[in-house]
Amino acid sequence: MENNRTKWYKEAIIYQIYPYSFMDSNGDGIGDIKGIMSKLDYLENLGITAIWFSPLYPSPDKDYGYDISDYKNIAPHFGTLEEFKTLLDECHKRGIKVIMDSVMNHTSSEHAWFKDVINNPSSKYRDYYIIRKGIKNGKKLLPPNNWTSVFTGSAWEKLPSSDDEFYLHLFTKEQPDLNWDNPKVREEMVDIFNFWFDMGVDGFRMDVFNVFSKVDGLPSDNALKMSRGSKYYIDGPHEHEYLHELYEKSFKKYDSLLVGESFGPHPEDKIRYASEASEEIDMLFDFAHLKSDNRNNYFKKKFDILEFKKGLATPQINLYGKGWNSLVLENHDTPRSISRFDFNSTEYHYEVSTMLPLITFFGFGTPFIFEGEEIGMTNCLFTSIDECMDPVTHFIHTIMKKLPMTEFQRMKMISFGCRDNARTPMQWDDTLNAGFTKGKPWEKVNPNYKEINVKNDLASVRSIYHFYQSVIFLKKSNKTLIYGDFHELSKNSKEVFSYLRSLEGNTLFIIANFTDETVEYKLPKEIEGKTLTSLLSNYNDTELKDGIIVLNPYQATCYEIKEENDR
């Protein structure tokens, strides 16, 4: 079969929209397609070249779109399929490609396949799911094994209408796992992908893509931790085989992108998944650097810049010349970067909000920008669990109730690490509900919207949005920032992150001060005797004298390097 892929994603700048929270056009408190269309000019002016939409499909919303009940339609609260086709056309008119979310490890328990399994003992869809008989222990009926779900206790739920059977769900009980060992399931997945590709969609982000294949027999696990059983489904025995099959039957036929969100993959599998030779996916998200200020998301630890640098640099080094990399600071599952890493973001809001994209997005890989990141949106203070909508937040809160802490302490931890932080409505202006909706917002609006919003930022002489425009322009226009190799400098510095990007005799030096103090940085031997010209900085003044760069608090600068005799 002919390969029709141009690998456009290598020069892309991708913006993620969480549809619930972006823009509401009809006052029902939920973002929608018409609201998105009203802001396309804003996104085009930012300079992005593609939009990734978190799930737009029909869903009971037990996990807010990540429990899909119909893979070939649009949720009514977002709009209609015809409206989506119009959105697709409007994006393409602006040169913006469209990336959909795909959630194919599991369906919703409200999906027609699973409902037929419940209602019909001889359903042809029984083998679409992982259903096993329980284990009798006296009068008790125990689950088939001791696996635990990521979200809620046991990974097994009693199958309705059955006396002795359970179904597997690695996530919520409303998200039954699909049986990827069944060829018919894989055929269904190919059909779904091709349905959207034929409509004009340009790519997919694949949710938890590396847990499709489970070890035969589903053995119990002696691990003493949450997600018990994970060693039997992470990077499972047929994972690479099934991904390559998708590539051959779907992605190869279209000029497409497939980016994977992985679930704790092994280092060697990370490289294989994103290797061009493997023909599986094009890149995966690696969040190792986002673990540098926390344990299990909610337990804050002192920020470790060495861990941050290693997490960000390792995939760039490992994948260069083999595959492609993604560069990310935020998404719908992570707290806001401006509120993390022990930054003094109250006093240096602009500096931190501009330092992070420069040092991150000028690395090797495709930048992914999450809605609101471009204006420096922050975490939200949640004072009551009732203000949080994410089921994971509620699960964590329930667990914390068993620990010796006050409700104030619990909510402080929740506010630090919960996924709700990323899902508060987009802050467009200083009017009611941040201009997001005229109705009651589905999720709490961050109270700081009066100060931090698009309208204020665009009018500011220190506009974060305008700095993002500059970062995006330079990234898109400079081939060295796209295709150059990556060489980290000063690896042991606990103040500075710096690296080189080199391509065909051209070299760029990128440096950032991660502290709120002035830092003197001695140029390493790789740059000694060379001329540095600033291409972009978040400070007007850049002091360089006698081989020493004086970095202001949270300063980030991209320099072009030339030999002395090239001046």
Protein backbone atom coordinates (compact mmCIF):
# COMPACT_ATOMS: atom_id res chain seq x y z
CA MET A 1 0.00 0.00 0.00
CA GLU A 2 1.25 3.47 -0.88
CA ASN A 3 2.42 5.61 2.01
CA ASN A 4 0.79 9.05 1.69
CA ARG A 5 2.38 10.67 4.73
CA THR A 6 4.38 13.92 4.45
CA LYS A 7 5.24 14.12 8.18
CA TRP A 8 3.89 17.67 8.38
CA TYR A 9 3.78 17.32 12.16
CA LYS A 10 7.53 17.89 12.40
CA GLU A 11 7.01 21.57 11.59
CA ALA A 12 3.71 21.92 13.45
CA ILE A 13 2.71 23.98 16.47
CA ILE A 14 -0.22 22.19 18.11
CA TYR A 15 -2.79 23.81 20.41
CA GLN A 16 -4.95 21.65 22.65
CA ILE A 17 -8.57 22.59 23.28
CA TYR A 18 -10.54 21.04 26.13
CA PRO A 19 -13.99 21.64 24.59
CA TYR A 20 -15.93 21.81 27.87
CA SER A 21 -13.94 24.84 28.97
CA PHE A 22 -12.91 26.80 25.88
CA MET A 23 -15.91 28.92 24.83
CA ASP A 24 -19.66 28.57 25.34
CA SER A 25 -21.89 30.04 22.62
CA ASN A 26 -25.36 29.18 23.93
CA GLY A 27 -25.24 29.91 27.65
CA ASP A 28 -25.60 26.34 28.92
CA GLY A 29 -22.29 26.61 30.80
CA ILE A 30 -20.46 24.10 28.58
CA GLY A 31 -18.08 25.01 25.78
CA ASP A 32 -19.15 24.03 22.29
CA ILE A 33 -18.22 23.92 18.61
CA LYS A 34 -19.77 27.28 17.76
CA GLY A 35 -17.81 28.80 20.63
CA ILE A 36 -14.60 27.31 19.25
CA MET A 37 -15.35 28.68 15.78
CA SER A 38 -15.79 32.17 17.23
CA LYS A 39 -12.18 32.05 18.46
CA LEU A 40 -10.42 30.61 15.41
CA ASP A 41 -9.03 34.00 14.38
CA TYR A 42 -7.50 34.31 17.86
CA LEU A 43 -5.77 30.96 17.38
CA GLU A 44 -4.69 31.72 13.82
CA ASN A 45 -3.12 34.98 15.00
CA LEU A 46 -1.24 33.10 17.71
CA GLY A 47 0.49 31.20 14.93
CA ILE A 48 -0.55 27.63 15.68
CA THR A 49 -0.80 25.19 12.79
CA ALA A 50 -2.96 22.44 14.29
CA ILE A 51 -5.62 21.97 16.99
CA TRP A 52 -6.00 18.85 19.09
CA PHE A 53 -9.52 18.51 20.45
CA SER A 54 -10.08 16.51 23.62
CA PRO A 55 -13.04 14.14 23.03
CA LEU A 56 -16.04 15.62 21.26
CA TYR A 57 -17.94 12.33 21.06
CA PRO A 58 -21.21 11.39 22.81
CA SER A 59 -20.50 10.32 26.37
CA PRO A 60 -22.23 9.92 29.75
CA ASP A 61 -19.31 12.03 31.03
CA LYS A 62 -18.31 9.80 33.91
CA ASP A 63 -14.77 10.80 32.88
CA TYR A 64 -15.75 13.88 30.88
CA GLY A 65 -15.53 12.55 27.36
CA TYR A 66 -13.00 9.79 27.94
CA ASP A 67 -15.85 7.30 28.25
CA ILE A 68 -17.22 7.21 24.70
CA SER A 69 -20.68 5.87 23.88
CA ASP A 70 -20.57 6.56 20.12
CA TYR A 71 -17.29 6.84 18.21
CA LYS A 72 -18.84 8.26 15.03
CA ASN A 73 -20.79 11.24 16.27
CA ILE A 74 -20.58 14.50 18.21
CA ALA A 75 -21.94 15.00 21.73
CA PRO A 76 -25.15 17.11 21.59
CA HIS A 77 -23.86 19.56 24.21
CA PHE A 78 -20.96 20.35 21.88
CA GLY A 79 -23.03 20.54 18.69
CA THR A 80 -23.77 18.36 15.70
CA LEU A 81 -21.74 16.35 13.22
CA GLU A 82 -22.57 18.94 10.55
CA GLU A 83 -21.28 21.71 12.81
CA PHE A 84 -18.08 19.74 13.31
CA LYS A 85 -17.68 19.46 9.53
CA THR A 86 -18.04 23.24 9.33
CA LEU A 87 -15.42 23.63 12.08
CA LEU A 88 -13.14 21.31 10.13
CA ASP A 89 -13.57 23.41 6.99
CA GLU A 90 -12.99 26.67 8.87
CA CYS A 91 -9.79 25.33 10.39
CA HIS A 92 -8.50 24.12 7.04
CA LYS A 93 -9.27 27.50 5.44
CA ARG A 94 -6.88 29.01 7.97
CA GLY A 95 -4.19 26.43 7.36
CA ILE A 96 -4.94 24.76 10.71
CA LYS A 97 -4.99 20.97 10.81
CA VAL A 98 -7.41 19.08 13.07
CA ILE A 99 -6.40 16.32 15.49
CA MET A 100 -9.08 14.30 17.26
CA ASP A 101 -8.78 12.38 20.50
CA SER A 102 -9.16 8.61 20.37
CA VAL A 103 -10.04 6.56 23.44
CA MET A 104 -9.78 2.95 22.41
CA ASN A 105 -8.60 1.02 25.44
CA HIS A 106 -12.18 1.13 26.68
CA THR A 107 -15.67 2.24 25.75
CA SER A 108 -18.35 3.74 27.93
CA SER A 109 -20.60 1.23 29.70
CA GLU A 110 -23.35 3.06 27.79
CA HIS A 111 -21.89 2.10 24.41
CA ALA A 112 -24.26 -0.01 22.29
CA TRP A 113 -21.78 -2.91 22.29
CA PHE A 114 -21.62 -3.16 26.06
CA LYS A 115 -25.35 -2.60 26.51
CA ASP A 116 -25.97 -5.52 24.16
CA VAL A 117 -23.62 -7.67 26.24
CA ILE A 118 -25.66 -6.87 29.35
CA ASN A 119 -29.03 -7.46 27.70
CA ASN A 120 -28.17 -10.48 25.55
CA PRO A 121 -26.29 -13.49 27.03
CA SER A 122 -25.41 -14.66 23.52
CA SER A 123 -24.36 -11.21 22.28
CA LYS A 124 -21.79 -11.19 19.49
CA TYR A 125 -20.08 -8.36 21.38
CA ARG A 126 -19.20 -10.43 24.48
CA ASP A 127 -15.72 -11.05 23.16
CA TYR A 128 -15.33 -7.33 22.45
CA TYR A 129 -14.72 -6.98 26.20
CA ILE A 130 -12.65 -8.85 28.81
CA ILE A 131 -15.17 -10.91 30.75
CA ARG A 132 -14.14 -13.62 33.16
CA LYS A 133 -15.80 -15.82 35.77
CA GLY A 134 -15.20 -14.89 39.40
CA ILE A 135 -13.42 -17.10 41.92
CA LYS A 136 -15.58 -18.78 44.56
CA ASN A 137 -14.22 -18.49 48.08
CA GLY A 138 -16.77 -20.15 50.33
CA LYS A 139 -19.92 -18.12 50.03
CA LYS A 140 -18.05 -15.18 48.53
CA LEU A 141 -17.44 -14.56 44.84
CA LEU A 142 -14.09 -12.87 44.30
CA PRO A 143 -12.90 -11.05 41.16
CA PRO A 144 -10.91 -13.09 38.59
CA ASN A 145 -7.62 -11.59 39.83
CA ASN A 146 -6.35 -8.95 42.26
CA TRP A 147 -5.72 -6.15 39.77
CA THR A 148 -6.65 -2.65 40.87
CA SER A 149 -7.93 0.13 38.64
CA VAL A 150 -6.14 3.42 38.22
CA PHE A 151 -9.14 5.31 39.57
CA THR A 152 -11.24 3.17 41.91
CA GLY A 153 -10.34 0.05 43.86
CA SER A 154 -10.70 -3.29 42.07
CA ALA A 155 -10.23 -3.40 38.30
CA TRP A 156 -13.19 -5.79 38.08
CA GLU A 157 -16.91 -5.07 38.27
CA LYS A 158 -19.70 -7.60 38.45
CA LEU A 159 -21.33 -7.95 35.06
CA PRO A 160 -25.00 -6.98 35.33
CA SER A 161 -27.38 -9.84 34.48
CA SER A 162 -24.72 -12.46 35.31
CA ASP A 163 -24.41 -14.46 38.53
CA ASP A 164 -20.70 -15.18 38.39
CA GLU A 165 -18.98 -12.98 35.77
CA PHE A 166 -16.93 -9.80 35.99
CA TYR A 167 -15.65 -7.35 33.37
CA LEU A 168 -12.25 -5.65 33.45
CA HIS A 169 -11.95 -1.87 33.74
CA LEU A 170 -8.50 -0.38 34.23
CA PHE A 171 -10.09 3.00 34.86
CA THR A 172 -13.60 3.78 36.18
CA LYS A 173 -16.21 1.02 36.35
CA GLU A 174 -18.09 2.90 33.62
CA GLN A 175 -15.13 2.33 31.26
CA PRO A 176 -15.01 -1.41 30.42
CA ASP A 177 -11.78 -2.44 28.70
CA LEU A 178 -11.92 -3.64 25.11
CA ASN A 179 -10.44 -6.99 24.15
CA TRP A 180 -7.78 -6.08 21.60
CA ASP A 181 -6.88 -9.74 21.14
CA ASN A 182 -10.15 -10.05 19.22
CA PRO A 183 -9.42 -9.21 15.53
CA LYS A 184 -12.96 -7.85 15.16
CA VAL A 185 -12.24 -5.19 17.79
CA ARG A 186 -9.16 -4.10 15.89
CA GLU A 187 -11.20 -3.98 12.67
CA GLU A 188 -13.70 -1.73 14.42
CA MET A 189 -10.89 0.59 15.50
CA VAL A 190 -9.55 0.83 11.95
CA ASP A 191 -13.05 1.58 10.69
CA ILE A 192 -13.46 4.38 13.26
CA PHE A 193 -10.14 5.98 12.38
CA ASN A 194 -10.88 5.82 8.65
CA PHE A 195 -14.37 7.28 9.16
CA TRP A 196 -12.86 10.49 10.53
CA PHE A 197 -9.89 10.53 8.14
CA ASP A 198 -12.27 10.28 5.18
CA MET A 199 -14.13 13.27 6.60
CA GLY A 200 -10.91 15.29 6.54
CA VAL A 201 -9.45 14.92 10.04
CA ASP A 202 -5.65 15.12 9.98
CA GLY A 203 -4.58 13.04 12.96
CA PHE A 204 -5.29 11.54 16.35
CA ARG A 205 -4.02 11.65 19.88
CA MET A 206 -4.40 8.13 21.27
CA ASP A 207 -5.34 7.82 24.93
CA VAL A 208 -3.31 5.35 27.07
CA PHE A 209 -2.26 3.58 23.89
CA ASN A 210 0.27 1.20 25.45
CA VAL A 211 -2.16 -0.83 27.61
CA PHE A 212 -4.27 -2.40 24.83
CA SER A 213 -2.54 -5.78 25.01
CA LYS A 214 -2.83 -7.80 28.22
CA VAL A 215 -0.77 -10.86 29.20
CA ASP A 216 -2.53 -14.15 28.51
CA GLY A 217 -4.26 -15.62 31.56
CA LEU A 218 -4.43 -12.27 33.37
CA PRO A 219 -2.42 -13.50 36.37
CA SER A 220 -2.67 -11.90 39.81
CA ASP A 221 0.08 -9.52 40.85
CA ASN A 222 1.96 -9.50 44.17
CA ALA A 223 2.80 -5.80 43.93
CA LEU A 224 1.80 -3.75 46.99
CA LYS A 225 0.66 -0.58 45.27
CA MET A 226 -2.15 1.09 43.39
CA SER A 227 -2.59 -0.10 39.82
CA ARG A 228 -1.68 -3.63 40.85
CA GLY A 229 -1.44 -5.74 37.72
CA SER A 230 0.14 -3.01 35.61
CA LYS A 231 3.18 -5.17 34.81
CA TYR A 232 0.79 -7.47 32.95
CA TYR A 233 -0.70 -4.81 30.69
CA ILE A 234 1.82 -1.97 30.27
CA ASP A 235 3.64 -2.53 26.95
CA GLY A 236 1.81 -5.85 26.65
CA PRO A 237 2.94 -8.81 24.53
CA HIS A 238 1.18 -7.76 21.30
CA GLU A 239 1.23 -3.97 21.75
CA HIS A 240 3.73 -3.22 18.99
CA GLU A 241 2.05 -5.71 16.66
CA TYR A 242 -1.39 -4.12 17.11
CA LEU A 243 -0.08 -0.57 16.63
CA HIS A 244 1.71 -1.56 13.43
CA GLU A 245 -1.51 -3.15 12.20
CA LEU A 246 -3.32 0.16 12.74
CA TYR A 247 -0.56 1.94 10.88
CA GLU A 248 -0.81 -0.41 7.89
CA LYS A 249 -4.60 -0.41 7.67
CA SER A 250 -5.29 3.21 8.48
CA PHE A 251 -2.59 5.78 9.19
CA LYS A 252 -0.40 4.86 6.24
CA LYS A 253 -3.23 5.65 3.84
CA TYR A 254 -3.59 9.26 5.00
CA ASP A 255 -1.32 12.26 5.49
CA SER A 256 -1.78 11.81 9.20
CA LEU A 257 -0.34 12.20 12.68
CA LEU A 258 -0.64 9.73 15.54
CA VAL A 259 0.60 10.95 18.92
CA GLY A 260 0.33 8.59 21.86
CA GLU A 261 -0.33 9.24 25.52
CA SER A 262 1.47 6.40 27.24
CA PHE A 263 0.99 4.82 30.63
CA GLY A 264 4.39 4.33 32.28
CA PRO A 265 6.16 2.69 29.33
CA HIS A 266 9.53 1.01 29.64
CA PRO A 267 12.45 3.11 28.26
CA GLU A 268 13.18 0.74 25.37
CA ASP A 269 9.51 0.69 24.38
CA LYS A 270 9.35 4.49 24.37
CA ILE A 271 11.99 4.57 21.65
CA ARG A 272 10.45 1.73 19.68
CA TYR A 273 6.95 3.26 19.68
CA ALA A 274 8.17 6.56 18.22
CA SER A 275 10.83 5.12 15.92
CA GLU A 276 10.10 5.75 12.26
CA ALA A 277 11.41 2.29 11.44
CA SER A 278 8.75 0.68 13.65
CA GLU A 279 5.83 2.29 11.80
CA GLU A 280 3.65 2.45 14.88
CA ILE A 281 3.10 6.01 16.12
CA ASP A 282 4.81 9.29 15.25
CA MET A 283 5.58 10.53 18.76
CA LEU A 284 4.49 10.05 22.32
CA PHE A 285 4.07 12.33 25.28
CA ASP A 286 6.81 11.97 27.85
CA PHE A 287 5.93 13.63 31.16
CA ALA A 288 9.03 12.68 33.16
CA HIS A 289 9.97 16.34 33.66
CA LEU A 290 6.52 17.03 35.12
CA LYS A 291 7.26 14.67 38.02
CA SER A 292 10.07 16.91 39.26
CA ASP A 293 7.94 18.72 41.86
CA ASN A 294 5.58 15.99 43.07
CA ARG A 295 5.08 12.38 44.11
CA ASN A 296 1.96 10.78 42.62
CA ASN A 297 0.76 14.24 41.51
CA TYR A 298 -0.80 15.35 44.81
CA PHE A 299 2.17 15.07 47.15
CA LYS A 300 4.33 18.12 46.61
CA LYS A 301 8.09 17.81 46.94
CA LYS A 302 10.87 20.35 46.61
CA PHE A 303 11.39 21.08 42.93
CA ASP A 304 14.35 19.17 41.53
CA ILE A 305 15.69 21.05 38.50
CA LEU A 306 18.10 18.22 37.70
CA GLU A 307 15.15 15.85 37.44
CA PHE A 308 13.27 18.38 35.29
CA LYS A 309 16.22 18.79 32.93
CA LYS A 310 16.85 15.08 32.67
CA GLY A 311 13.17 14.36 32.02
CA LEU A 312 12.99 16.94 29.25
CA ALA A 313 16.37 16.18 27.69
CA THR A 314 16.38 12.36 27.68
CA PRO A 315 13.74 11.79 24.97
CA GLN A 316 15.32 14.48 22.81
CA ILE A 317 18.66 12.68 22.98
CA ASN A 318 17.22 9.17 22.62
CA LEU A 319 14.91 9.90 19.70
CA TYR A 320 17.08 12.20 17.60
CA GLY A 321 17.79 10.52 14.27
CA LYS A 322 15.39 7.67 15.07
CA GLY A 323 11.96 9.20 15.50
CA TRP A 324 10.19 12.33 16.64
CA ASN A 325 9.56 13.98 20.01
CA SER A 326 6.82 16.05 21.66
CA LEU A 327 7.41 19.10 23.86
CA VAL A 328 4.76 19.81 26.47
CA LEU A 329 4.26 21.84 29.64
CA GLU A 330 0.54 21.37 30.25
CA ASN A 331 -2.52 19.41 29.15
CA HIS A 332 -5.99 18.49 30.39
CA ASP A 333 -4.51 16.09 32.99
CA THR A 334 -1.83 18.32 34.53
CA PRO A 335 -1.83 21.38 36.80
CA ARG A 336 -0.80 24.73 35.35
CA SER A 337 2.96 25.07 34.84
CA ILE A 338 3.05 28.69 36.03
CA SER A 339 1.95 27.46 39.50
CA ARG A 340 4.58 24.73 39.76
CA PHE A 341 8.29 24.06 40.20
CA ASP A 342 8.64 26.35 43.27
CA PHE A 343 8.55 29.43 41.05
CA ASN A 344 7.96 32.89 42.49
CA SER A 345 5.15 33.39 39.99
CA THR A 346 3.36 36.04 42.03
CA GLU A 347 6.17 38.56 41.66
CA TYR A 348 7.45 37.23 38.31
CA HIS A 349 4.28 36.10 36.54
CA TYR A 350 5.34 37.40 33.11
CA GLU A 351 8.92 36.18 33.40
CA VAL A 352 8.00 32.61 34.41
CA SER A 353 5.20 32.44 31.83
CA THR A 354 7.63 33.36 29.04
CA MET A 355 10.75 31.54 30.25
CA LEU A 356 9.02 28.15 30.23
CA PRO A 357 7.89 28.10 26.58
CA LEU A 358 11.21 29.38 25.27
CA ILE A 359 13.35 26.81 27.07
CA THR A 360 10.87 23.99 26.38
CA PHE A 361 9.64 24.58 22.84
CA PHE A 362 13.03 25.41 21.35
CA GLY A 363 14.11 21.83 22.05
CA PHE A 364 13.89 18.92 19.60
CA GLY A 365 10.26 18.08 18.91
CA THR A 366 6.81 19.45 18.23
CA PRO A 367 5.40 21.97 20.75
CA PHE A 368 1.97 21.34 22.29
CA ILE A 369 0.30 24.38 23.88
CA PHE A 370 -2.68 23.93 26.19
CA GLU A 371 -5.53 26.45 26.18
CA GLY A 372 -4.81 29.39 28.49
CA GLU A 373 -1.11 28.60 28.71
CA GLU A 374 -0.49 31.44 26.26
CA ILE A 375 -1.84 34.02 28.74
CA GLY A 376 -0.29 32.50 31.88
CA MET A 377 -3.38 30.93 33.45
CA THR A 378 -2.69 29.54 36.90
CA ASN A 379 -3.92 26.83 39.24
CA CYS A 380 -7.20 27.51 41.01
CA LEU A 381 -7.76 27.42 44.78
CA PHE A 382 -10.49 24.86 45.41
CA THR A 383 -11.94 25.28 48.90
CA SER A 384 -14.48 22.44 48.75
CA ILE A 385 -14.54 19.08 47.00
CA ASP A 386 -17.96 20.12 45.67
CA GLU A 387 -16.16 22.65 43.45
CA CYS A 388 -14.27 19.83 41.68
CA MET A 389 -15.80 17.90 38.79
CA ASP A 390 -13.07 15.38 37.97
CA PRO A 391 -13.87 11.82 39.21
CA VAL A 392 -10.18 11.24 39.95
CA THR A 393 -10.17 14.26 42.27
CA HIS A 394 -13.11 12.82 44.17
CA PHE A 395 -11.43 9.42 44.39
CA ILE A 396 -8.24 10.97 45.77
CA HIS A 397 -10.23 13.05 48.24
CA THR A 398 -11.95 9.89 49.51
CA ILE A 399 -8.57 8.22 50.04
CA MET A 400 -7.26 11.31 51.84
CA LYS A 401 -10.18 11.13 54.25
CA LYS A 402 -8.53 8.02 55.69
CA LEU A 403 -5.36 9.96 56.44
CA PRO A 404 -4.81 12.05 59.59
CA MET A 405 -5.30 15.49 58.10
CA THR A 406 -7.82 18.32 58.18
CA GLU A 407 -10.17 19.18 55.32
CA PHE A 408 -8.14 22.35 54.78
CA GLN A 409 -4.99 20.24 54.31
CA ARG A 410 -6.82 17.87 51.97
CA MET A 411 -8.07 20.69 49.77
CA LYS A 412 -4.62 22.30 49.73
CA MET A 413 -3.20 19.07 48.30
CA ILE A 414 -6.13 18.80 45.88
CA SER A 415 -5.57 22.36 44.66
CA PHE A 416 -1.91 21.60 44.02
CA GLY A 417 -2.28 18.46 41.95
CA CYS A 418 -5.82 17.94 40.67
CA ARG A 419 -6.76 17.72 37.00
CA ASP A 420 -9.52 20.29 37.62
CA ASN A 421 -6.79 22.96 37.53
CA ALA A 422 -6.47 22.50 33.78
CA ARG A 423 -10.22 22.40 33.22
CA THR A 424 -11.33 25.70 34.69
CA PRO A 425 -12.92 27.84 31.96
CA MET A 426 -10.76 29.84 29.57
CA GLN A 427 -10.35 33.40 30.82
CA TRP A 428 -11.32 35.66 27.93
CA ASP A 429 -12.02 38.95 29.72
CA ASP A 430 -12.96 40.50 33.07
CA THR A 431 -16.73 40.22 32.66
CA LEU A 432 -18.93 37.67 34.45
CA ASN A 433 -17.52 34.12 34.26
CA ALA A 434 -14.42 35.42 32.49
CA GLY A 435 -16.43 35.84 29.28
CA PHE A 436 -16.63 32.07 28.92
CA THR A 437 -20.40 31.75 29.36
CA LYS A 438 -23.51 33.76 30.18
CA GLY A 439 -24.86 30.77 32.09
CA LYS A 440 -23.59 28.78 35.07
CA PRO A 441 -20.14 27.35 34.22
CA TRP A 442 -19.84 23.57 34.39
CA GLU A 443 -16.54 23.97 36.33
CA LYS A 444 -15.42 26.69 38.72
CA VAL A 445 -13.94 29.83 37.14
CA ASN A 446 -10.57 30.79 38.60
CA PRO A 447 -11.20 33.92 40.75
CA ASN A 448 -8.10 35.63 39.31
CA TYR A 449 -9.81 36.08 35.92
CA LYS A 450 -10.24 39.80 36.61
CA GLU A 451 -6.47 40.20 36.30
CA ILE A 452 -5.43 37.26 34.10
CA ASN A 453 -7.45 37.17 30.88
CA VAL A 454 -6.99 37.46 27.12
CA LYS A 455 -8.31 41.03 26.90
CA ASN A 456 -5.89 42.35 29.54
CA ASP A 457 -2.95 40.40 28.19
CA LEU A 458 -3.36 41.57 24.61
CA ALA A 459 -3.43 45.18 25.82
CA SER A 460 -0.33 44.79 28.01
CA VAL A 461 3.16 45.93 26.99
CA ARG A 462 4.32 42.70 28.65
CA SER A 463 1.92 40.42 26.81
CA ILE A 464 2.49 36.70 27.32
CA TYR A 465 0.39 35.97 24.22
CA HIS A 466 2.62 38.20 22.10
CA PHE A 467 5.72 36.48 23.47
CA TYR A 468 4.22 33.11 22.55
CA GLN A 469 3.70 34.53 19.06
CA SER A 470 7.42 35.32 18.92
CA VAL A 471 8.39 31.86 20.19
CA ILE A 472 6.10 30.25 17.62
CA PHE A 473 7.35 32.42 14.75
CA LEU A 474 11.00 31.66 15.51
CA LYS A 475 10.33 27.94 15.99
CA LYS A 476 8.46 27.73 12.65
CA SER A 477 10.94 29.82 10.67
CA ASN A 478 14.26 28.48 11.96
CA LYS A 479 15.11 25.03 10.60
CA THR A 480 17.77 24.53 13.28
CA LEU A 481 15.08 24.80 15.98
CA ILE A 482 13.06 22.18 14.14
CA TYR A 483 15.58 19.68 12.81
CA GLY A 484 18.80 20.44 14.69
CA ASP A 485 20.36 18.00 17.12
CA PHE A 486 20.20 18.57 20.88
CA HIS A 487 23.22 18.87 23.16
CA GLU A 488 22.68 19.72 26.82
CA LEU A 489 25.17 21.98 28.61
CA SER A 490 25.90 22.45 32.32
CA LYS A 491 23.95 19.32 33.27
CA ASN A 492 24.75 19.67 36.96
CA SER A 493 23.69 23.30 37.35
CA LYS A 494 20.87 23.71 39.84
CA GLU A 495 20.05 27.18 38.57
CA VAL A 496 20.34 27.10 34.80
CA PHE A 497 19.07 24.92 31.96
CA SER A 498 21.02 25.39 28.74
CA TYR A 499 21.53 23.50 25.51
CA LEU A 500 22.69 23.76 21.90
CA ARG A 501 20.73 23.06 18.73
CA SER A 502 22.89 22.48 15.65
CA LEU A 503 22.15 21.86 11.99
CA GLU A 504 24.36 22.09 8.89
CA GLY A 505 26.88 24.48 10.43
CA ASN A 506 24.29 26.63 12.21
CA THR A 507 24.22 26.57 16.01
CA LEU A 508 21.81 28.09 18.51
CA PHE A 509 22.39 28.44 22.25
CA ILE A 510 19.29 28.40 24.48
CA ILE A 511 19.52 29.23 28.17
CA ALA A 512 17.13 29.86 31.07
CA ASN A 513 17.51 30.89 34.69
CA PHE A 514 15.11 28.83 36.84
CA THR A 515 15.51 31.03 39.93
CA ASP A 516 14.20 34.39 41.14
CA GLU A 517 17.75 35.65 41.68
CA THR A 518 20.37 37.10 39.37
CA VAL A 519 22.75 34.38 38.19
CA GLU A 520 26.20 34.72 36.64
CA TYR A 521 26.74 31.96 34.10
CA LYS A 522 30.19 31.20 32.76
CA LEU A 523 30.08 30.15 29.14
CA PRO A 524 31.10 26.49 28.74
CA LYS A 525 34.01 25.47 26.55
CA GLU A 526 31.66 24.63 23.67
CA ILE A 527 30.89 28.36 23.28
CA GLU A 528 34.13 30.02 24.36
CA GLY A 529 35.56 32.40 21.78
CA LYS A 530 32.32 32.60 19.84
CA THR A 531 30.02 35.53 19.13
CA LEU A 532 26.51 35.37 20.56
CA THR A 533 23.62 37.30 19.02
CA SER A 534 20.29 37.32 20.83
CA LEU A 535 17.37 36.19 18.62
CA LEU A 536 14.71 36.25 21.35
CA SER A 537 14.66 36.98 25.06
CA ASN A 538 12.04 37.76 27.68
CA TYR A 539 14.23 40.64 28.92
CA ASN A 540 15.24 43.70 26.92
CA ASP A 541 18.72 43.72 28.35
CA THR A 542 21.14 40.83 27.99
CA GLU A 543 24.50 41.33 29.71
CA LEU A 544 27.42 39.35 28.29
CA LYS A 545 31.00 40.25 29.13
CA ASP A 546 34.30 38.37 29.42
CA GLY A 547 32.63 35.00 28.91
CA ILE A 548 30.00 35.63 31.61
CA ILE A 549 26.27 35.97 30.99
CA VAL A 550 24.34 37.79 33.72
CA LEU A 551 20.88 36.27 33.84
CA ASN A 552 18.00 38.15 35.42
CA PRO A 553 15.35 36.26 37.43
CA TYR A 554 13.67 33.71 35.15
CA GLN A 555 15.41 35.08 32.09
CA ALA A 556 15.38 32.94 28.96
CA THR A 557 17.27 33.77 25.78
CA CYS A 558 17.95 32.13 22.44
CA TYR A 559 21.30 33.09 20.92
CA GLU A 560 22.74 32.52 17.48
CA ILE A 561 26.39 31.45 17.65
CA LYS A 562 29.03 32.49 15.17
CA GLU A 563 32.75 31.94 15.08
CA GLU A 564 34.89 35.00 15.80
CA ASN A 565 36.08 35.14 12.17
CA ASP A 566 32.47 35.06 10.91
CA ARG A 567 31.64 38.47 12.34
